[in-house]
Amino acid sequence: MALGPLAKLAAFRNRTPPGSAEVGPARPDPPDRIGDDDLEGDDGGRMSFLDHLDELRRRLVAAALSLAAGTLVAFVFINRIFDFIMRPLYDKLPAGSKLIYTEPTEAFMLNVKIALLAGIVIAAPLIMWQLWLFISPGLYAHEKRFALPFTLMASVFFVGGAAFNHYILFPLAWIFLAGFTTDYMMFMPRIAPVFSLYAMLMLAMGLIFEMPAVVLVLARMGLVTAGFLWRHIKYAILIIFVASAVITPTGDMVTQSLMAGPMVVLYLFSIGLAWVFGKKRRRTGE
């Protein structure tokens, strides 16, 4: 019977050290796996499926609280953040054109959405930390040393993806979309759809830039290897260009290439991370 995603994750979090055979009742983990982050019962037994669901709920609640705190901080600087996002878009509009809103609550909700988006960026390190705390019970003691590198890498790469969208990808897409003005047709976009497009691309690039951090963790778990990633690179590049064509709103080759290019570079960088930090390279010393 096939296991669902949560069941597979629960099986990973309850895994035992290589070479050990479980006969009879579950035994306590060896000393190098017992720590503050090991979520085991008082009797030393392994967590049940419902325990994993409860732990997932706790981490999601903590991540939501972190996002709420980041959003409140963003509200304090909402005017500066609003200008940071909207001023470059306004400056690239054709002469005489403006950003408009047609619904009474549209401008107010825009401020709320901007604060929420900025809150995601501000709270990114805390959210990544909660993700690490959820998967860490399935790691051995020497693997848990990657907690800080993973959190820092995931946070930096997410912000890097957001910056790439803000300074390179979206401005070029915006110029393309605003370039159809004629003598009888004026481009005067509504602020809500414009920001929705901006937010969609920013989150997409932020998640795409997480590729090295995800591969690092998977390589340390032994789930992927550099050889596997390299052997399937042609399929990965095909998937990357298909995904960029689906995500890119303009449909032109330049914008698609600007999205796919960093994804290919990140994939190659991920292969390097898997080669350096992959489990097979450390097996003889474990």
C-alpha atoms as a PDB file:
ATOM      1  CA  MET A   1       0.000   0.000   0.000  1.00  0.00           C
ATOM      2  CA  ALA A   2       1.493   3.360  -1.040  1.00  0.00           C
ATOM      3  CA  LEU A   3       2.288   5.834   1.697  1.00  0.00           C
ATOM      4  CA  GLY A   4       1.015   9.386   1.538  1.00  0.00           C
ATOM      5  CA  PRO A   5       3.421  12.369   1.783  1.00  0.00           C
ATOM      6  CA  LEU A   6       2.841  12.867   5.514  1.00  0.00           C
ATOM      7  CA  ALA A   7       3.306   9.155   6.210  1.00  0.00           C
ATOM      8  CA  LYS A   8       6.567   9.139   4.265  1.00  0.00           C
ATOM      9  CA  LEU A   9       7.772  12.179   6.192  1.00  0.00           C
ATOM     10  CA  ALA A  10       6.819  10.508   9.463  1.00  0.00           C
ATOM     11  CA  ALA A  11       8.787   7.413   8.441  1.00  0.00           C
ATOM     12  CA  PHE A  12      11.832   9.581   7.708  1.00  0.00           C
ATOM     13  CA  ARG A  13      11.586  11.430  11.026  1.00  0.00           C
ATOM     14  CA  ASN A  14      11.465   8.069  12.819  1.00  0.00           C
ATOM     15  CA  ARG A  15      14.321   6.490  10.893  1.00  0.00           C
ATOM     16  CA  THR A  16      16.998   4.481  12.663  1.00  0.00           C
ATOM     17  CA  PRO A  17      20.794   4.645  12.132  1.00  0.00           C
ATOM     18  CA  PRO A  18      22.181   2.653   9.212  1.00  0.00           C
ATOM     19  CA  GLY A  19      23.018  -0.945  10.016  1.00  0.00           C
ATOM     20  CA  SER A  20      20.673  -1.226  12.976  1.00  0.00           C
ATOM     21  CA  ALA A  21      17.875  -3.774  12.913  1.00  0.00           C
ATOM     22  CA  GLU A  22      14.678  -3.281  14.867  1.00  0.00           C
ATOM     23  CA  VAL A  23      13.593  -6.489  16.574  1.00  0.00           C
ATOM     24  CA  GLY A  24      10.803  -6.329  19.113  1.00  0.00           C
ATOM     25  CA  PRO A  25       9.801  -3.049  20.777  1.00  0.00           C
ATOM     26  CA  ALA A  26      11.357   0.203  19.582  1.00  0.00           C
ATOM     27  CA  ARG A  27      14.513   1.071  21.510  1.00  0.00           C
ATOM     28  CA  PRO A  28      15.695   4.527  22.545  1.00  0.00           C
ATOM     29  CA  ASP A  29      17.904   6.314  20.052  1.00  0.00           C
ATOM     30  CA  PRO A  30      21.682   6.257  20.622  1.00  0.00           C
ATOM     31  CA  PRO A  31      23.178   9.219  22.519  1.00  0.00           C
ATOM     32  CA  ASP A  32      24.332  11.059  19.385  1.00  0.00           C
ATOM     33  CA  ARG A  33      20.737  11.408  18.187  1.00  0.00           C
ATOM     34  CA  ILE A  34      19.143  12.536  21.443  1.00  0.00           C
ATOM     35  CA  GLY A  35      18.948  16.288  21.742  1.00  0.00           C
ATOM     36  CA  ASP A  36      16.675  19.196  22.445  1.00  0.00           C
ATOM     37  CA  ASP A  37      15.160  18.959  18.987  1.00  0.00           C
ATOM     38  CA  ASP A  38      14.424  15.208  19.120  1.00  0.00           C
ATOM     39  CA  LEU A  39      10.681  15.044  19.606  1.00  0.00           C
ATOM     40  CA  GLU A  40      10.232  11.690  21.278  1.00  0.00           C
ATOM     41  CA  GLY A  41       7.824  10.493  23.920  1.00  0.00           C
ATOM     42  CA  ASP A  42       8.712  10.173  27.593  1.00  0.00           C
ATOM     43  CA  ASP A  43       9.166   6.437  27.197  1.00  0.00           C
ATOM     44  CA  GLY A  44      11.827   6.882  24.485  1.00  0.00           C
ATOM     45  CA  GLY A  45       9.535   5.442  21.819  1.00  0.00           C
ATOM     46  CA  ARG A  46       9.165   6.874  18.386  1.00  0.00           C
ATOM     47  CA  MET A  47       6.498   9.406  17.459  1.00  0.00           C
ATOM     48  CA  SER A  48       3.146   8.251  16.133  1.00  0.00           C
ATOM     49  CA  PHE A  49       1.556   9.610  12.970  1.00  0.00           C
ATOM     50  CA  LEU A  50      -0.747  11.857  15.026  1.00  0.00           C
ATOM     51  CA  ASP A  51       2.289  13.149  16.943  1.00  0.00           C
ATOM     52  CA  HIS A  52       3.817  14.220  13.631  1.00  0.00           C
ATOM     53  CA  LEU A  53       0.605  15.997  12.651  1.00  0.00           C
ATOM     54  CA  ASP A  54       0.585  17.805  15.990  1.00  0.00           C
ATOM     55  CA  GLU A  55       4.207  18.826  15.515  1.00  0.00           C
ATOM     56  CA  LEU A  56       3.403  20.053  12.001  1.00  0.00           C
ATOM     57  CA  ARG A  57       0.565  22.132  13.452  1.00  0.00           C
ATOM     58  CA  ARG A  58       2.909  23.665  16.040  1.00  0.00           C
ATOM     59  CA  ARG A  59       5.470  24.632  13.422  1.00  0.00           C
ATOM     60  CA  LEU A  60       2.807  26.106  11.115  1.00  0.00           C
ATOM     61  CA  VAL A  61       1.410  28.170  13.985  1.00  0.00           C
ATOM     62  CA  ALA A  62       4.898  29.432  14.862  1.00  0.00           C
ATOM     63  CA  ALA A  63       5.551  30.299  11.204  1.00  0.00           C
ATOM     64  CA  ALA A  64       2.195  32.137  11.002  1.00  0.00           C
ATOM     65  CA  LEU A  65       3.047  34.145  14.125  1.00  0.00           C
ATOM     66  CA  SER A  66       6.424  35.028  12.610  1.00  0.00           C
ATOM     67  CA  LEU A  67       4.661  36.187   9.447  1.00  0.00           C
ATOM     68  CA  ALA A  68       2.228  38.279  11.497  1.00  0.00           C
ATOM     69  CA  ALA A  69       5.114  39.941  13.341  1.00  0.00           C
ATOM     70  CA  GLY A  70       6.896  40.645  10.044  1.00  0.00           C
ATOM     71  CA  THR A  71       3.706  42.129   8.595  1.00  0.00           C
ATOM     72  CA  LEU A  72       3.310  44.449  11.588  1.00  0.00           C
ATOM     73  CA  VAL A  73       6.887  45.653  11.146  1.00  0.00           C
ATOM     74  CA  ALA A  74       6.191  46.247   7.455  1.00  0.00           C
ATOM     75  CA  PHE A  75       3.119  48.352   8.320  1.00  0.00           C
ATOM     76  CA  VAL A  76       5.379  50.742  10.235  1.00  0.00           C
ATOM     77  CA  PHE A  77       7.300  51.456   7.014  1.00  0.00           C
ATOM     78  CA  ILE A  78       4.414  50.931   4.594  1.00  0.00           C
ATOM     79  CA  ASN A  79       4.837  54.289   2.811  1.00  0.00           C
ATOM     80  CA  ARG A  80       8.501  53.635   2.065  1.00  0.00           C
ATOM     81  CA  ILE A  81       7.799  50.082   0.939  1.00  0.00           C
ATOM     82  CA  PHE A  82       4.902  51.306  -1.240  1.00  0.00           C
ATOM     83  CA  ASP A  83       7.181  53.828  -2.981  1.00  0.00           C
ATOM     84  CA  PHE A  84       9.937  51.206  -3.316  1.00  0.00           C
ATOM     85  CA  ILE A  85       7.612  48.897  -5.252  1.00  0.00           C
ATOM     86  CA  MET A  86       5.348  51.301  -7.126  1.00  0.00           C
ATOM     87  CA  ARG A  87       7.643  54.227  -8.014  1.00  0.00           C
ATOM     88  CA  PRO A  88       9.753  52.256 -10.551  1.00  0.00           C
ATOM     89  CA  LEU A  89       6.575  50.971 -12.195  1.00  0.00           C
ATOM     90  CA  TYR A  90       5.082  54.459 -12.425  1.00  0.00           C
ATOM     91  CA  ASP A  91       8.290  55.881 -13.908  1.00  0.00           C
ATOM     92  CA  LYS A  92       8.211  53.325 -16.740  1.00  0.00           C
ATOM     93  CA  LEU A  93       4.631  54.100 -17.779  1.00  0.00           C
ATOM     94  CA  PRO A  94       4.041  55.954 -21.069  1.00  0.00           C
ATOM     95  CA  ALA A  95       3.726  59.718 -20.815  1.00  0.00           C
ATOM     96  CA  GLY A  96       0.318  60.745 -19.474  1.00  0.00           C
ATOM     97  CA  SER A  97      -0.491  57.328 -18.050  1.00  0.00           C
ATOM     98  CA  LYS A  98      -1.086  56.555 -14.361  1.00  0.00           C
ATOM     99  CA  LEU A  99      -1.768  53.655 -12.064  1.00  0.00           C
ATOM    100  CA  ILE A 100      -5.449  53.727 -11.168  1.00  0.00           C
ATOM    101  CA  TYR A 101      -7.909  52.021  -8.833  1.00  0.00           C
ATOM    102  CA  THR A 102     -11.628  51.625  -9.495  1.00  0.00           C
ATOM    103  CA  GLU A 103     -12.950  50.033  -6.297  1.00  0.00           C
ATOM    104  CA  PRO A 104     -13.420  51.933  -2.992  1.00  0.00           C
ATOM    105  CA  THR A 105     -11.312  49.472  -0.974  1.00  0.00           C
ATOM    106  CA  GLU A 106      -8.761  48.678  -3.679  1.00  0.00           C
ATOM    107  CA  ALA A 107      -6.079  51.144  -2.545  1.00  0.00           C
ATOM    108  CA  PHE A 108      -6.447  50.172   1.117  1.00  0.00           C
ATOM    109  CA  MET A 109      -6.225  46.452   0.335  1.00  0.00           C
ATOM    110  CA  LEU A 110      -3.146  47.138  -1.753  1.00  0.00           C
ATOM    111  CA  ASN A 111      -1.397  48.486   1.338  1.00  0.00           C
ATOM    112  CA  VAL A 112      -2.419  45.363   3.264  1.00  0.00           C
ATOM    113  CA  LYS A 113      -1.105  43.076   0.518  1.00  0.00           C
ATOM    114  CA  ILE A 114       2.167  44.999   0.272  1.00  0.00           C
ATOM    115  CA  ALA A 115       2.654  44.729   4.042  1.00  0.00           C
ATOM    116  CA  LEU A 116       1.931  40.999   3.892  1.00  0.00           C
ATOM    117  CA  LEU A 117       4.397  40.465   1.050  1.00  0.00           C
ATOM    118  CA  ALA A 118       7.065  42.477   2.857  1.00  0.00           C
ATOM    119  CA  GLY A 119       6.267  40.522   6.027  1.00  0.00           C
ATOM    120  CA  ILE A 120       7.115  37.278   4.234  1.00  0.00           C
ATOM    121  CA  VAL A 121      10.548  38.652   3.344  1.00  0.00           C
ATOM    122  CA  ILE A 122      11.154  39.995   6.862  1.00  0.00           C
ATOM    123  CA  ALA A 123      10.043  36.764   8.537  1.00  0.00           C
ATOM    124  CA  ALA A 124      11.865  34.480   6.088  1.00  0.00           C
ATOM    125  CA  PRO A 125      14.661  33.493   8.554  1.00  0.00           C
ATOM    126  CA  LEU A 126      12.138  32.555  11.275  1.00  0.00           C
ATOM    127  CA  ILE A 127       9.973  30.626   8.829  1.00  0.00           C
ATOM    128  CA  MET A 128      13.007  28.711   7.539  1.00  0.00           C
ATOM    129  CA  TRP A 129      14.018  27.968  11.124  1.00  0.00           C
ATOM    130  CA  GLN A 130      10.610  26.453  11.839  1.00  0.00           C
ATOM    131  CA  LEU A 131      10.978  24.291   8.745  1.00  0.00           C
ATOM    132  CA  TRP A 132      14.344  23.097  10.004  1.00  0.00           C
ATOM    133  CA  LEU A 133      12.954  22.316  13.462  1.00  0.00           C
ATOM    134  CA  PHE A 134      10.299  20.140  11.840  1.00  0.00           C
ATOM    135  CA  ILE A 135      12.718  18.018   9.801  1.00  0.00           C
ATOM    136  CA  SER A 136      15.614  17.970  12.318  1.00  0.00           C
ATOM    137  CA  PRO A 137      14.355  14.974  14.380  1.00  0.00           C
ATOM    138  CA  GLY A 138      15.005  12.813  11.315  1.00  0.00           C
ATOM    139  CA  LEU A 139      18.645  13.899  11.148  1.00  0.00           C
ATOM    140  CA  TYR A 140      21.647  12.451  12.932  1.00  0.00           C
ATOM    141  CA  ALA A 141      23.779  14.527  15.295  1.00  0.00           C
ATOM    142  CA  HIS A 142      26.435  15.404  12.701  1.00  0.00           C
ATOM    143  CA  GLU A 143      23.705  16.403  10.218  1.00  0.00           C
ATOM    144  CA  LYS A 144      22.085  18.829  12.663  1.00  0.00           C
ATOM    145  CA  ARG A 145      25.182  21.009  12.411  1.00  0.00           C
ATOM    146  CA  PHE A 146      23.724  22.270   9.133  1.00  0.00           C
ATOM    147  CA  ALA A 147      20.893  24.055  10.970  1.00  0.00           C
ATOM    148  CA  LEU A 148      22.485  27.515  10.828  1.00  0.00           C
ATOM    149  CA  PRO A 149      23.889  27.153   7.277  1.00  0.00           C
ATOM    150  CA  PHE A 150      20.512  25.941   6.007  1.00  0.00           C
ATOM    151  CA  THR A 151      18.591  28.775   7.694  1.00  0.00           C
ATOM    152  CA  LEU A 152      21.013  31.441   6.469  1.00  0.00           C
ATOM    153  CA  MET A 153      21.256  29.993   2.963  1.00  0.00           C
ATOM    154  CA  ALA A 154      17.496  29.578   2.583  1.00  0.00           C
ATOM    155  CA  SER A 155      16.839  33.122   3.841  1.00  0.00           C
ATOM    156  CA  VAL A 156      19.535  34.756   1.707  1.00  0.00           C
ATOM    157  CA  PHE A 157      18.494  32.905  -1.438  1.00  0.00           C
ATOM    158  CA  PHE A 158      14.819  33.746  -0.905  1.00  0.00           C
ATOM    159  CA  VAL A 159      15.646  37.443  -0.562  1.00  0.00           C
ATOM    160  CA  GLY A 160      17.973  37.105  -3.559  1.00  0.00           C
ATOM    161  CA  GLY A 161      15.122  35.717  -5.650  1.00  0.00           C
ATOM    162  CA  ALA A 162      12.872  38.577  -4.559  1.00  0.00           C
ATOM    163  CA  ALA A 163      15.589  41.102  -5.446  1.00  0.00           C
ATOM    164  CA  PHE A 164      16.143  39.485  -8.847  1.00  0.00           C
ATOM    165  CA  ASN A 165      12.445  39.853  -9.602  1.00  0.00           C
ATOM    166  CA  HIS A 166      12.298  43.466  -8.392  1.00  0.00           C
ATOM    167  CA  TYR A 167      15.379  44.789 -10.179  1.00  0.00           C
ATOM    168  CA  ILE A 168      15.574  42.639 -13.336  1.00  0.00           C
ATOM    169  CA  LEU A 169      12.695  40.307 -14.191  1.00  0.00           C
ATOM    170  CA  PHE A 170       9.580  42.366 -13.457  1.00  0.00           C
ATOM    171  CA  PRO A 171      10.889  45.708 -14.829  1.00  0.00           C
ATOM    172  CA  LEU A 172      11.634  44.065 -18.182  1.00  0.00           C
ATOM    173  CA  ALA A 173       8.250  42.338 -18.223  1.00  0.00           C
ATOM    174  CA  TRP A 174       6.610  45.649 -17.265  1.00  0.00           C
ATOM    175  CA  ILE A 175       8.302  47.504 -20.118  1.00  0.00           C
ATOM    176  CA  PHE A 176       7.085  44.837 -22.533  1.00  0.00           C
ATOM    177  CA  LEU A 177       3.503  44.977 -21.224  1.00  0.00           C
ATOM    178  CA  ALA A 178       3.437  48.784 -21.278  1.00  0.00           C
ATOM    179  CA  GLY A 179       4.788  48.991 -24.811  1.00  0.00           C
ATOM    180  CA  PHE A 180       1.496  48.620 -26.691  1.00  0.00           C
ATOM    181  CA  THR A 181       0.268  52.212 -26.251  1.00  0.00           C
ATOM    182  CA  THR A 182      -0.944  53.826 -29.477  1.00  0.00           C
ATOM    183  CA  ASP A 183      -2.622  57.094 -30.452  1.00  0.00           C
ATOM    184  CA  TYR A 184      -6.035  55.609 -29.656  1.00  0.00           C
ATOM    185  CA  MET A 185      -5.106  53.234 -26.807  1.00  0.00           C
ATOM    186  CA  MET A 186      -3.660  54.385 -23.468  1.00  0.00           C
ATOM    187  CA  PHE A 187      -2.148  51.986 -20.917  1.00  0.00           C
ATOM    188  CA  MET A 188      -3.652  52.867 -17.506  1.00  0.00           C
ATOM    189  CA  PRO A 189      -3.374  49.675 -15.406  1.00  0.00           C
ATOM    190  CA  ARG A 190      -5.249  49.024 -12.159  1.00  0.00           C
ATOM    191  CA  ILE A 191      -3.020  48.733  -9.128  1.00  0.00           C
ATOM    192  CA  ALA A 192      -4.521  45.468  -7.854  1.00  0.00           C
ATOM    193  CA  PRO A 193      -3.752  43.296 -10.928  1.00  0.00           C
ATOM    194  CA  VAL A 194      -0.334  44.936 -11.271  1.00  0.00           C
ATOM    195  CA  PHE A 195       0.658  44.116  -7.715  1.00  0.00           C
ATOM    196  CA  SER A 196      -0.791  40.599  -7.969  1.00  0.00           C
ATOM    197  CA  LEU A 197       1.466  39.952 -10.956  1.00  0.00           C
ATOM    198  CA  TYR A 198       4.445  41.444  -9.112  1.00  0.00           C
ATOM    199  CA  ALA A 199       3.773  39.364  -5.997  1.00  0.00           C
ATOM    200  CA  MET A 200       3.288  36.157  -8.004  1.00  0.00           C
ATOM    201  CA  LEU A 201       6.618  36.556  -9.786  1.00  0.00           C
ATOM    202  CA  MET A 202       8.416  37.576  -6.588  1.00  0.00           C
ATOM    203  CA  LEU A 203       7.214  34.544  -4.647  1.00  0.00           C
ATOM    204  CA  ALA A 204       7.939  32.274  -7.615  1.00  0.00           C
ATOM    205  CA  MET A 205      11.514  33.539  -7.896  1.00  0.00           C
ATOM    206  CA  GLY A 206      11.965  33.387  -4.123  1.00  0.00           C
ATOM    207  CA  LEU A 207      10.940  29.723  -4.091  1.00  0.00           C
ATOM    208  CA  ILE A 208      13.011  28.928  -7.181  1.00  0.00           C
ATOM    209  CA  PHE A 209      16.099  30.403  -5.531  1.00  0.00           C
ATOM    210  CA  GLU A 210      15.580  27.952  -2.640  1.00  0.00           C
ATOM    211  CA  MET A 211      16.834  25.134  -4.863  1.00  0.00           C
ATOM    212  CA  PRO A 212      20.408  25.014  -3.438  1.00  0.00           C
ATOM    213  CA  ALA A 213      19.182  24.947   0.168  1.00  0.00           C
ATOM    214  CA  VAL A 214      16.701  22.155  -0.568  1.00  0.00           C
ATOM    215  CA  VAL A 215      19.297  20.102  -2.447  1.00  0.00           C
ATOM    216  CA  LEU A 216      21.770  20.570   0.408  1.00  0.00           C
ATOM    217  CA  VAL A 217      19.331  19.028   2.891  1.00  0.00           C
ATOM    218  CA  LEU A 218      18.317  16.227   0.529  1.00  0.00           C
ATOM    219  CA  ALA A 219      21.964  15.425  -0.176  1.00  0.00           C
ATOM    220  CA  ARG A 220      22.745  15.232   3.528  1.00  0.00           C
ATOM    221  CA  MET A 221      19.790  12.872   3.958  1.00  0.00           C
ATOM    222  CA  GLY A 222      21.129  10.709   1.150  1.00  0.00           C
ATOM    223  CA  LEU A 223      17.971  11.206  -0.935  1.00  0.00           C
ATOM    224  CA  VAL A 224      19.806  12.785  -3.902  1.00  0.00           C
ATOM    225  CA  THR A 225      23.379  12.650  -5.145  1.00  0.00           C
ATOM    226  CA  ALA A 226      25.464  14.832  -7.439  1.00  0.00           C
ATOM    227  CA  GLY A 227      25.656  11.966  -9.933  1.00  0.00           C
ATOM    228  CA  PHE A 228      21.878  11.629 -10.050  1.00  0.00           C
ATOM    229  CA  LEU A 229      21.420  15.366 -10.630  1.00  0.00           C
ATOM    230  CA  TRP A 230      24.107  15.453 -13.324  1.00  0.00           C
ATOM    231  CA  ARG A 231      22.747  12.407 -15.172  1.00  0.00           C
ATOM    232  CA  HIS A 232      19.307  14.013 -15.379  1.00  0.00           C
ATOM    233  CA  ILE A 233      20.481  17.534 -16.217  1.00  0.00           C
ATOM    234  CA  LYS A 234      18.935  17.507 -19.719  1.00  0.00           C
ATOM    235  CA  TYR A 235      15.532  16.670 -18.280  1.00  0.00           C
ATOM    236  CA  ALA A 236      16.006  19.307 -15.577  1.00  0.00           C
ATOM    237  CA  ILE A 237      16.781  21.996 -18.172  1.00  0.00           C
ATOM    238  CA  LEU A 238      13.712  20.988 -20.184  1.00  0.00           C
ATOM    239  CA  ILE A 239      11.516  21.209 -17.085  1.00  0.00           C
ATOM    240  CA  ILE A 240      13.084  24.566 -16.184  1.00  0.00           C
ATOM    241  CA  PHE A 241      12.252  26.129 -19.558  1.00  0.00           C
ATOM    242  CA  VAL A 242       8.736  24.688 -19.529  1.00  0.00           C
ATOM    243  CA  ALA A 243       8.182  26.044 -16.009  1.00  0.00           C
ATOM    244  CA  SER A 244       9.541  29.474 -16.965  1.00  0.00           C
ATOM    245  CA  ALA A 245       7.208  29.572 -19.979  1.00  0.00           C
ATOM    246  CA  VAL A 246       4.235  28.778 -17.731  1.00  0.00           C
ATOM    247  CA  ILE A 247       5.167  31.266 -14.994  1.00  0.00           C
ATOM    248  CA  THR A 248       6.262  34.150 -17.251  1.00  0.00           C
ATOM    249  CA  PRO A 249       3.242  36.385 -17.973  1.00  0.00           C
ATOM    250  CA  THR A 250       4.562  38.059 -21.127  1.00  0.00           C
ATOM    251  CA  GLY A 251       5.277  34.999 -23.262  1.00  0.00           C
ATOM    252  CA  ASP A 252       8.328  36.562 -24.928  1.00  0.00           C
ATOM    253  CA  MET A 253      11.604  34.641 -25.148  1.00  0.00           C
ATOM    254  CA  VAL A 254      13.660  37.360 -23.452  1.00  0.00           C
ATOM    255  CA  THR A 255      11.655  37.303 -20.215  1.00  0.00           C
ATOM    256  CA  GLN A 256      11.449  33.510 -20.253  1.00  0.00           C
ATOM    257  CA  SER A 257      15.216  33.263 -20.666  1.00  0.00           C
ATOM    258  CA  LEU A 258      15.742  35.737 -17.819  1.00  0.00           C
ATOM    259  CA  MET A 259      13.718  33.433 -15.575  1.00  0.00           C
ATOM    260  CA  ALA A 260      15.178  30.176 -16.843  1.00  0.00           C
ATOM    261  CA  GLY A 261      18.805  31.370 -16.811  1.00  0.00           C
ATOM    262  CA  PRO A 262      19.106  31.716 -13.019  1.00  0.00           C
ATOM    263  CA  MET A 263      17.278  28.409 -12.567  1.00  0.00           C
ATOM    264  CA  VAL A 264      19.895  26.601 -14.684  1.00  0.00           C
ATOM    265  CA  VAL A 265      22.721  28.296 -12.779  1.00  0.00           C
ATOM    266  CA  LEU A 266      21.121  27.354  -9.452  1.00  0.00           C
ATOM    267  CA  TYR A 267      20.738  23.761 -10.623  1.00  0.00           C
ATOM    268  CA  LEU A 268      24.443  23.569 -11.479  1.00  0.00           C
ATOM    269  CA  PHE A 269      25.307  25.164  -8.149  1.00  0.00           C
ATOM    270  CA  SER A 270      23.092  22.596  -6.426  1.00  0.00           C
ATOM    271  CA  ILE A 271      25.024  19.790  -8.125  1.00  0.00           C
ATOM    272  CA  GLY A 272      28.213  21.254  -6.662  1.00  0.00           C
ATOM    273  CA  LEU A 273      26.665  21.380  -3.190  1.00  0.00           C
ATOM    274  CA  ALA A 274      25.510  17.772  -3.480  1.00  0.00           C
ATOM    275  CA  TRP A 275      28.991  16.709  -4.589  1.00  0.00           C
ATOM    276  CA  VAL A 276      30.741  18.490  -1.713  1.00  0.00           C
ATOM    277  CA  PHE A 277      28.262  17.820   1.104  1.00  0.00           C
ATOM    278  CA  GLY A 278      26.530  14.674  -0.168  1.00  0.00           C
ATOM    279  CA  LYS A 279      26.243  11.704   2.165  1.00  0.00           C
ATOM    280  CA  LYS A 280      28.390   9.381   0.060  1.00  0.00           C
ATOM    281  CA  ARG A 281      31.431  11.619   0.418  1.00  0.00           C
ATOM    282  CA  ARG A 282      31.257  11.358   4.229  1.00  0.00           C
ATOM    283  CA  ARG A 283      30.247   7.740   4.557  1.00  0.00           C
ATOM    284  CA  THR A 284      33.711   6.406   5.363  1.00  0.00           C
ATOM    285  CA  GLY A 285      34.095   8.783   8.271  1.00  0.00           C
ATOM    286  CA  GLU A 286      30.677   8.197   9.839  1.00  0.00           C
END
